[in-house]
N, C-alpha and C. Protein backbone atom coordinates (compact mmCIF):
# COMPACT_ATOMS: atom_id res chain seq x y z
N UNK A 1 0.83 -1.18 0.00
CA UNK A 1 0.00 0.00 0.00
C UNK A 1 0.87 1.24 0.00
N UNK A 2 0.30 2.34 -0.39
CA UNK A 2 1.04 3.60 -0.52
C UNK A 2 1.13 4.34 0.81
N UNK A 3 2.17 5.13 0.96
CA UNK A 3 2.26 6.03 2.10
C UNK A 3 1.19 7.10 2.00
N UNK A 4 0.60 7.25 0.81
CA UNK A 4 -0.41 8.28 0.57
C UNK A 4 -1.82 7.78 0.81
N UNK A 5 -1.97 6.54 1.24
CA UNK A 5 -3.31 6.01 1.46
C UNK A 5 -4.04 6.86 2.47
N UNK A 6 -5.29 7.14 2.19
CA UNK A 6 -6.04 8.00 3.09
C UNK A 6 -7.19 7.28 3.76
N UNK A 7 -8.02 6.63 2.97
CA UNK A 7 -9.22 6.04 3.55
C UNK A 7 -9.83 5.04 2.58
N UNK A 8 -10.50 4.07 3.12
CA UNK A 8 -11.28 3.15 2.30
C UNK A 8 -12.75 3.21 2.68
N UNK A 9 -13.12 4.17 3.53
CA UNK A 9 -14.51 4.27 3.93
C UNK A 9 -15.33 5.02 2.89
N UNK A 10 -16.64 4.92 3.02
CA UNK A 10 -17.53 5.49 2.00
C UNK A 10 -17.65 7.01 2.10
N UNK A 11 -17.25 7.59 3.23
CA UNK A 11 -17.44 9.02 3.39
C UNK A 11 -16.42 9.83 2.63
N UNK A 12 -15.22 9.27 2.46
CA UNK A 12 -14.17 10.01 1.78
C UNK A 12 -13.54 11.06 2.65
N UNK A 13 -13.86 11.11 3.95
CA UNK A 13 -13.25 12.12 4.81
C UNK A 13 -11.85 11.69 5.19
N UNK A 14 -11.01 12.63 5.47
CA UNK A 14 -9.62 12.37 5.79
C UNK A 14 -9.46 12.28 7.30
N UNK A 15 -9.64 11.08 7.84
CA UNK A 15 -9.62 10.91 9.28
C UNK A 15 -8.23 11.14 9.87
N UNK A 16 -7.18 10.93 9.09
CA UNK A 16 -5.82 11.08 9.60
C UNK A 16 -5.54 12.51 10.03
N UNK A 17 -6.11 13.48 9.33
CA UNK A 17 -5.87 14.88 9.68
C UNK A 17 -7.02 15.49 10.45
N UNK A 18 -8.12 14.74 10.60
CA UNK A 18 -9.27 15.27 11.31
C UNK A 18 -10.07 16.26 10.47
N UNK A 19 -9.77 16.37 9.19
CA UNK A 19 -10.45 17.31 8.31
C UNK A 19 -11.82 16.78 7.91
N UNK A 20 -12.80 17.67 7.87
CA UNK A 20 -14.12 17.29 7.39
C UNK A 20 -14.21 17.42 5.88
N UNK A 21 -13.17 17.98 5.26
CA UNK A 21 -13.16 18.16 3.82
C UNK A 21 -12.96 16.80 3.15
N UNK A 22 -13.77 16.48 2.15
CA UNK A 22 -13.61 15.20 1.45
C UNK A 22 -12.24 15.09 0.77
N UNK A 23 -11.83 13.86 0.57
CA UNK A 23 -10.58 13.62 -0.15
C UNK A 23 -10.84 13.63 -1.65
N UNK A 24 -9.80 13.93 -2.40
CA UNK A 24 -9.84 13.85 -3.86
C UNK A 24 -9.25 12.49 -4.19
N UNK A 25 -10.10 11.48 -4.13
CA UNK A 25 -9.68 10.10 -4.07
C UNK A 25 -9.39 9.47 -5.43
N UNK A 26 -8.18 8.94 -5.53
CA UNK A 26 -7.77 8.10 -6.66
C UNK A 26 -7.52 6.70 -6.10
N UNK A 27 -7.51 5.70 -6.94
CA UNK A 27 -7.29 4.33 -6.49
C UNK A 27 -5.86 3.89 -6.77
N UNK A 28 -5.32 3.12 -5.83
CA UNK A 28 -4.00 2.52 -6.01
C UNK A 28 -4.18 1.01 -6.11
N UNK A 29 -3.42 0.37 -6.99
CA UNK A 29 -3.58 -1.04 -7.28
C UNK A 29 -2.31 -1.82 -6.94
N UNK A 30 -2.45 -3.14 -6.84
CA UNK A 30 -1.34 -4.03 -6.48
C UNK A 30 -0.16 -3.92 -7.44
N UNK A 31 -0.41 -3.54 -8.69
CA UNK A 31 0.69 -3.42 -9.66
C UNK A 31 1.37 -2.05 -9.61
N UNK A 32 0.96 -1.19 -8.64
CA UNK A 32 1.59 0.11 -8.45
C UNK A 32 0.96 1.24 -9.23
N UNK A 33 -0.02 0.94 -10.08
CA UNK A 33 -0.67 2.00 -10.84
C UNK A 33 -1.69 2.74 -9.98
N UNK A 34 -1.98 3.95 -10.41
CA UNK A 34 -2.97 4.81 -9.75
C UNK A 34 -3.90 5.32 -10.84
N UNK A 35 -5.21 5.30 -10.56
CA UNK A 35 -6.16 5.83 -11.53
C UNK A 35 -7.13 6.80 -10.87
N UNK A 36 -7.53 7.78 -11.66
CA UNK A 36 -8.63 8.66 -11.28
C UNK A 36 -9.52 8.77 -12.51
N UNK A 37 -10.82 8.57 -12.35
CA UNK A 37 -11.50 8.19 -11.12
C UNK A 37 -11.15 6.76 -10.71
N UNK A 38 -11.41 6.43 -9.44
CA UNK A 38 -11.07 5.09 -8.95
C UNK A 38 -11.95 4.02 -9.59
N UNK A 39 -11.36 2.85 -9.75
CA UNK A 39 -12.07 1.68 -10.29
C UNK A 39 -11.80 0.49 -9.38
N UNK A 40 -12.55 -0.59 -9.55
CA UNK A 40 -12.38 -1.79 -8.74
C UNK A 40 -11.07 -2.50 -9.07
N UNK A 41 -10.71 -2.52 -10.35
CA UNK A 41 -9.44 -3.13 -10.80
C UNK A 41 -8.71 -2.14 -11.69
N UNK A 42 -7.39 -2.32 -11.79
CA UNK A 42 -6.57 -1.43 -12.62
C UNK A 42 -6.80 -1.73 -14.10
N UNK A 43 -6.30 -0.86 -14.99
CA UNK A 43 -6.40 -1.14 -16.42
C UNK A 43 -5.73 -2.46 -16.80
N UNK A 44 -4.77 -2.91 -15.98
CA UNK A 44 -4.07 -4.17 -16.24
C UNK A 44 -4.69 -5.36 -15.51
N UNK A 45 -5.80 -5.13 -14.80
CA UNK A 45 -6.49 -6.19 -14.08
C UNK A 45 -6.02 -6.40 -12.66
N UNK A 46 -5.15 -5.54 -12.13
CA UNK A 46 -4.65 -5.70 -10.77
C UNK A 46 -5.71 -5.28 -9.75
N UNK A 47 -5.67 -5.92 -8.59
CA UNK A 47 -6.61 -5.65 -7.50
C UNK A 47 -6.34 -4.29 -6.86
N UNK A 48 -7.41 -3.62 -6.49
CA UNK A 48 -7.30 -2.34 -5.78
C UNK A 48 -6.84 -2.61 -4.35
N UNK A 49 -5.80 -1.87 -3.91
CA UNK A 49 -5.24 -2.09 -2.58
C UNK A 49 -5.36 -0.87 -1.67
N UNK A 50 -5.76 0.27 -2.19
CA UNK A 50 -5.86 1.46 -1.35
C UNK A 50 -6.29 2.67 -2.13
N UNK A 51 -6.19 3.81 -1.48
CA UNK A 51 -6.55 5.07 -2.11
C UNK A 51 -5.41 6.07 -1.95
N UNK A 52 -5.41 7.05 -2.83
CA UNK A 52 -4.44 8.14 -2.80
C UNK A 52 -5.24 9.43 -2.84
N UNK A 53 -4.91 10.37 -1.98
CA UNK A 53 -5.58 11.66 -1.95
C UNK A 53 -4.83 12.62 -2.87
N UNK A 54 -5.43 12.97 -3.99
CA UNK A 54 -4.77 13.83 -4.97
C UNK A 54 -4.57 15.26 -4.48
N UNK A 55 -5.18 15.63 -3.34
CA UNK A 55 -4.93 16.95 -2.77
C UNK A 55 -3.45 17.13 -2.40
N UNK A 56 -2.75 16.02 -2.20
CA UNK A 56 -1.35 16.06 -1.81
C UNK A 56 -0.41 16.29 -2.99
N UNK A 57 -0.96 16.37 -4.20
CA UNK A 57 -0.12 16.47 -5.40
C UNK A 57 -0.44 17.73 -6.20
N UNK A 58 0.59 18.21 -6.85
CA UNK A 58 0.43 19.34 -7.77
C UNK A 58 0.16 18.78 -9.16
N UNK A 59 -0.60 19.52 -9.93
CA UNK A 59 -0.89 19.11 -11.29
C UNK A 59 -0.40 20.15 -12.29
N UNK A 60 -0.45 19.77 -13.56
CA UNK A 60 -0.04 20.66 -14.64
C UNK A 60 -1.17 20.67 -15.67
N UNK A 61 -1.54 21.87 -16.13
CA UNK A 61 -2.62 22.01 -17.10
C UNK A 61 -2.14 21.48 -18.46
N UNK A 62 -2.83 20.46 -18.98
CA UNK A 62 -2.52 19.92 -20.30
C UNK A 62 -3.25 20.71 -21.38
N UNK A 63 -4.50 21.06 -21.08
CA UNK A 63 -5.30 21.86 -22.00
C UNK A 63 -6.46 22.45 -21.21
N UNK A 64 -7.08 23.48 -21.75
CA UNK A 64 -8.21 24.12 -21.06
C UNK A 64 -9.14 24.72 -22.11
N UNK A 65 -10.35 25.00 -21.67
CA UNK A 65 -11.34 25.64 -22.53
C UNK A 65 -12.31 26.41 -21.65
N UNK A 66 -13.01 27.35 -22.25
CA UNK A 66 -14.04 28.09 -21.54
C UNK A 66 -15.36 27.89 -22.26
N UNK A 67 -16.34 27.37 -21.52
CA UNK A 67 -17.67 27.15 -22.06
C UNK A 67 -18.53 28.38 -21.74
N UNK A 68 -19.21 28.89 -22.75
CA UNK A 68 -20.11 30.02 -22.54
C UNK A 68 -21.57 29.61 -22.63
N UNK A 69 -21.82 28.34 -22.93
CA UNK A 69 -23.18 27.80 -22.96
C UNK A 69 -23.22 26.64 -21.97
N UNK A 70 -23.53 26.96 -20.73
CA UNK A 70 -23.46 25.96 -19.67
C UNK A 70 -24.85 25.47 -19.28
N UNK A 71 -24.91 24.29 -18.64
CA UNK A 71 -26.20 23.79 -18.16
C UNK A 71 -26.77 24.70 -17.08
N UNK A 72 -28.08 24.62 -16.82
CA UNK A 72 -28.67 25.43 -15.77
C UNK A 72 -27.95 25.23 -14.44
N UNK A 73 -27.65 26.34 -13.77
CA UNK A 73 -27.02 26.29 -12.46
C UNK A 73 -25.50 26.26 -12.48
N UNK A 74 -24.90 26.06 -13.65
CA UNK A 74 -23.44 26.05 -13.75
C UNK A 74 -23.00 27.46 -14.15
N UNK A 75 -21.98 27.95 -13.49
CA UNK A 75 -21.53 29.33 -13.74
C UNK A 75 -21.22 29.53 -15.22
N UNK A 76 -21.40 30.75 -15.66
CA UNK A 76 -21.16 31.10 -17.07
C UNK A 76 -20.39 32.42 -17.11
N UNK A 77 -19.25 32.43 -17.75
CA UNK A 77 -18.56 31.34 -18.44
C UNK A 77 -17.94 30.37 -17.43
N UNK A 78 -17.64 29.17 -17.90
CA UNK A 78 -17.12 28.10 -17.05
C UNK A 78 -15.82 27.59 -17.66
N UNK A 79 -14.69 27.90 -17.01
CA UNK A 79 -13.39 27.46 -17.51
C UNK A 79 -13.07 26.09 -16.91
N UNK A 80 -12.72 25.16 -17.79
CA UNK A 80 -12.39 23.78 -17.43
C UNK A 80 -10.99 23.46 -17.90
N UNK A 81 -10.32 22.55 -17.18
CA UNK A 81 -8.97 22.14 -17.57
C UNK A 81 -8.81 20.64 -17.39
N UNK A 82 -7.99 20.05 -18.25
CA UNK A 82 -7.51 18.69 -18.03
C UNK A 82 -6.15 18.84 -17.37
N UNK A 83 -6.02 18.21 -16.20
CA UNK A 83 -4.81 18.36 -15.38
C UNK A 83 -4.15 16.99 -15.23
N UNK A 84 -2.81 16.97 -15.38
CA UNK A 84 -2.04 15.76 -15.13
C UNK A 84 -1.26 15.95 -13.84
N UNK A 85 -1.43 15.01 -12.90
CA UNK A 85 -0.79 15.11 -11.60
C UNK A 85 0.64 14.59 -11.65
N UNK A 86 1.53 15.28 -10.92
CA UNK A 86 2.91 14.84 -10.76
C UNK A 86 2.93 13.90 -9.56
N UNK A 87 3.00 12.59 -9.82
CA UNK A 87 2.92 11.60 -8.76
C UNK A 87 4.29 11.27 -8.16
N UNK A 88 5.32 11.99 -8.55
CA UNK A 88 6.64 11.77 -7.99
C UNK A 88 7.52 10.92 -8.88
N UNK A 89 8.81 11.03 -8.68
CA UNK A 89 9.77 10.32 -9.52
C UNK A 89 9.67 8.80 -9.41
N UNK A 90 9.27 8.30 -8.24
CA UNK A 90 9.19 6.85 -8.04
C UNK A 90 7.99 6.22 -8.76
N UNK A 91 7.04 7.02 -9.17
CA UNK A 91 5.85 6.50 -9.85
C UNK A 91 6.14 6.33 -11.33
N UNK A 92 5.97 5.10 -11.84
CA UNK A 92 6.23 4.86 -13.26
C UNK A 92 5.01 4.31 -14.00
N UNK A 93 3.83 4.50 -13.41
CA UNK A 93 2.60 4.03 -14.04
C UNK A 93 2.07 5.05 -15.03
N UNK A 94 0.88 4.77 -15.56
CA UNK A 94 0.26 5.69 -16.53
C UNK A 94 -0.09 7.03 -15.87
N UNK A 95 -0.19 8.04 -16.68
CA UNK A 95 -0.50 9.39 -16.19
C UNK A 95 -1.81 9.39 -15.41
N UNK A 96 -1.84 10.18 -14.34
CA UNK A 96 -3.06 10.36 -13.55
C UNK A 96 -3.61 11.73 -13.91
N UNK A 97 -4.79 11.74 -14.53
CA UNK A 97 -5.38 12.99 -15.04
C UNK A 97 -6.79 13.16 -14.52
N UNK A 98 -7.21 14.43 -14.46
CA UNK A 98 -8.57 14.76 -14.05
C UNK A 98 -9.05 15.96 -14.85
N UNK A 99 -10.35 16.02 -15.06
CA UNK A 99 -11.00 17.15 -15.70
C UNK A 99 -11.74 17.91 -14.61
N UNK A 100 -11.58 19.22 -14.58
CA UNK A 100 -12.30 19.99 -13.56
C UNK A 100 -12.37 21.46 -13.88
N UNK A 101 -13.21 22.14 -13.11
CA UNK A 101 -13.35 23.59 -13.25
C UNK A 101 -12.13 24.29 -12.67
N UNK A 102 -11.87 25.48 -13.18
CA UNK A 102 -10.85 26.35 -12.60
C UNK A 102 -11.51 27.14 -11.47
N UNK A 103 -10.82 27.28 -10.36
CA UNK A 103 -11.36 27.96 -9.19
C UNK A 103 -11.57 29.44 -9.44
N UNK A 104 -12.48 30.01 -8.67
CA UNK A 104 -12.74 31.44 -8.73
C UNK A 104 -11.69 32.20 -7.93
N UNK A 105 -11.40 33.40 -8.36
CA UNK A 105 -10.48 34.27 -7.62
C UNK A 105 -11.07 34.55 -6.25
N UNK A 106 -10.21 34.82 -5.30
CA UNK A 106 -10.66 35.04 -3.93
C UNK A 106 -10.92 36.52 -3.64
N UNK A 107 -10.97 37.35 -4.68
CA UNK A 107 -11.18 38.79 -4.48
C UNK A 107 -12.66 39.18 -4.50
N UNK A 108 -13.55 38.18 -4.61
CA UNK A 108 -14.98 38.47 -4.60
C UNK A 108 -15.54 38.87 -5.95
N UNK A 109 -14.72 38.88 -6.99
CA UNK A 109 -15.17 39.30 -8.32
C UNK A 109 -16.03 38.25 -9.01
N UNK A 110 -15.91 36.99 -8.58
CA UNK A 110 -16.63 35.91 -9.24
C UNK A 110 -15.93 35.41 -10.48
N UNK A 111 -14.82 36.02 -10.85
CA UNK A 111 -14.06 35.59 -12.03
C UNK A 111 -13.14 34.44 -11.67
N UNK A 112 -12.90 33.57 -12.66
CA UNK A 112 -11.98 32.46 -12.43
C UNK A 112 -10.55 32.93 -12.66
N UNK A 113 -9.62 32.16 -12.12
CA UNK A 113 -8.21 32.42 -12.38
C UNK A 113 -7.94 32.21 -13.86
N UNK A 114 -6.95 32.91 -14.39
CA UNK A 114 -6.48 32.67 -15.75
C UNK A 114 -5.50 31.51 -15.70
N UNK A 115 -5.60 30.60 -16.67
CA UNK A 115 -4.64 29.50 -16.77
C UNK A 115 -4.16 29.37 -18.20
N UNK A 116 -2.99 28.82 -18.33
CA UNK A 116 -2.39 28.54 -19.63
C UNK A 116 -1.88 27.10 -19.62
N UNK A 117 -1.69 26.52 -20.77
CA UNK A 117 -1.11 25.18 -20.87
C UNK A 117 0.26 25.20 -20.19
N UNK A 118 0.49 24.21 -19.34
CA UNK A 118 1.75 24.10 -18.61
C UNK A 118 1.72 24.70 -17.22
N UNK A 119 0.69 25.49 -16.90
CA UNK A 119 0.60 26.08 -15.56
C UNK A 119 0.47 24.98 -14.50
N UNK A 120 1.06 25.23 -13.35
CA UNK A 120 0.94 24.32 -12.21
C UNK A 120 -0.27 24.72 -11.40
N UNK A 121 -1.07 23.72 -11.00
CA UNK A 121 -2.30 23.96 -10.25
C UNK A 121 -2.40 22.97 -9.10
N UNK A 122 -3.26 23.31 -8.15
CA UNK A 122 -3.55 22.42 -7.04
C UNK A 122 -5.06 22.28 -6.91
N UNK A 123 -5.51 21.10 -6.47
CA UNK A 123 -6.95 20.93 -6.27
C UNK A 123 -7.41 21.63 -5.00
N UNK A 124 -8.57 22.28 -5.09
CA UNK A 124 -9.18 22.93 -3.94
C UNK A 124 -10.65 22.51 -3.88
N UNK A 125 -11.12 22.22 -2.67
CA UNK A 125 -12.48 21.74 -2.50
C UNK A 125 -13.49 22.88 -2.70
N UNK A 126 -14.59 22.54 -3.38
CA UNK A 126 -15.72 23.47 -3.57
C UNK A 126 -16.98 22.76 -3.09
N UNK A 127 -17.67 23.36 -2.13
CA UNK A 127 -18.87 22.70 -1.60
C UNK A 127 -20.07 22.79 -2.54
N UNK A 128 -19.95 23.62 -3.59
CA UNK A 128 -21.05 23.73 -4.55
C UNK A 128 -20.47 24.00 -5.94
N UNK A 129 -20.60 23.01 -6.84
CA UNK A 129 -20.13 23.17 -8.22
C UNK A 129 -21.21 23.73 -9.13
N UNK A 130 -22.43 23.71 -8.68
CA UNK A 130 -23.54 24.30 -9.43
C UNK A 130 -24.62 24.71 -8.45
N UNK A 131 -25.48 25.63 -8.87
CA UNK A 131 -26.57 26.10 -8.03
C UNK A 131 -27.70 25.07 -8.10
N UNK A 132 -27.98 24.36 -6.98
CA UNK A 132 -28.92 23.25 -7.04
C UNK A 132 -30.36 23.62 -7.36
N UNK A 133 -30.78 24.86 -7.15
CA UNK A 133 -32.16 25.25 -7.41
C UNK A 133 -32.45 25.56 -8.86
N UNK A 134 -31.43 25.64 -9.70
CA UNK A 134 -31.64 25.94 -11.12
C UNK A 134 -32.04 24.67 -11.87
N UNK A 135 -32.75 24.84 -12.92
CA UNK A 135 -33.14 23.71 -13.75
C UNK A 135 -34.49 23.14 -13.36
N UNK A 136 -34.85 22.03 -13.98
CA UNK A 136 -36.18 21.46 -13.79
C UNK A 136 -36.18 20.26 -12.84
N UNK A 137 -35.04 19.78 -12.43
CA UNK A 137 -34.97 18.61 -11.54
C UNK A 137 -35.08 19.04 -10.08
N UNK A 138 -35.35 18.07 -9.23
CA UNK A 138 -35.41 18.32 -7.79
C UNK A 138 -34.06 18.86 -7.33
N UNK A 139 -34.06 19.96 -6.58
CA UNK A 139 -32.80 20.57 -6.14
C UNK A 139 -31.87 19.59 -5.41
N UNK A 140 -32.43 18.68 -4.62
CA UNK A 140 -31.59 17.73 -3.88
C UNK A 140 -30.75 16.87 -4.83
N UNK A 141 -31.28 16.59 -6.02
CA UNK A 141 -30.55 15.75 -6.98
C UNK A 141 -29.47 16.53 -7.72
N UNK A 142 -29.43 17.83 -7.52
CA UNK A 142 -28.48 18.68 -8.25
C UNK A 142 -27.43 19.29 -7.33
N UNK A 143 -27.33 18.80 -6.09
CA UNK A 143 -26.33 19.29 -5.16
C UNK A 143 -25.02 18.56 -5.40
N UNK A 144 -24.08 19.23 -6.05
CA UNK A 144 -22.80 18.63 -6.40
C UNK A 144 -21.66 19.40 -5.77
N UNK A 145 -20.83 18.68 -5.02
CA UNK A 145 -19.60 19.27 -4.53
C UNK A 145 -18.45 18.60 -5.26
N UNK A 146 -17.24 19.06 -5.04
CA UNK A 146 -16.10 18.45 -5.71
C UNK A 146 -14.87 19.33 -5.63
N UNK A 147 -14.00 19.17 -6.58
CA UNK A 147 -12.73 19.90 -6.58
C UNK A 147 -12.59 20.74 -7.84
N UNK A 148 -12.02 21.91 -7.64
CA UNK A 148 -11.63 22.80 -8.73
C UNK A 148 -10.11 22.93 -8.67
N UNK A 149 -9.54 23.56 -9.67
CA UNK A 149 -8.09 23.74 -9.72
C UNK A 149 -7.72 25.21 -9.60
N UNK A 150 -6.73 25.48 -8.74
CA UNK A 150 -6.26 26.84 -8.52
C UNK A 150 -4.78 26.88 -8.87
N UNK A 151 -4.35 27.93 -9.60
CA UNK A 151 -2.92 28.05 -9.93
C UNK A 151 -2.06 28.12 -8.69
N UNK A 152 -0.90 27.49 -8.77
CA UNK A 152 0.08 27.52 -7.69
C UNK A 152 1.01 28.69 -7.97
N UNK A 153 1.15 29.56 -7.00
CA UNK A 153 1.98 30.76 -7.17
C UNK A 153 3.43 30.44 -6.92
């Protein structure tokens, strides 16, 4: 198992640090590979042996785009990036990548950070990725939390 293992419980909370913030959970397998999103077995068929919290890793923007026609309740414009995580020199498995929104600036403007290909980013927890009351579905079914990416200074 990895030194980065965080939890195998269903809550995804990080009990080791006492944080109530969910983990950004990837799966680690017996063959040493790591995947996000997590799966029961690795791409090579290896058994899942633990989890890795991607909050502990920095990522690099591979590509990004800004959507100006978003679903109800999703901010507009909405900048998204594909991020590849740096899992360390000892990791020789396939790239660990995630797609996510770019975080909003902390100045209260509501604008997202600017990103470019190659920028280094870190995952940050967002308790609301969309406004649950928008749209035609029951608001409870539209409550989504998750992680966004913020540039590392």
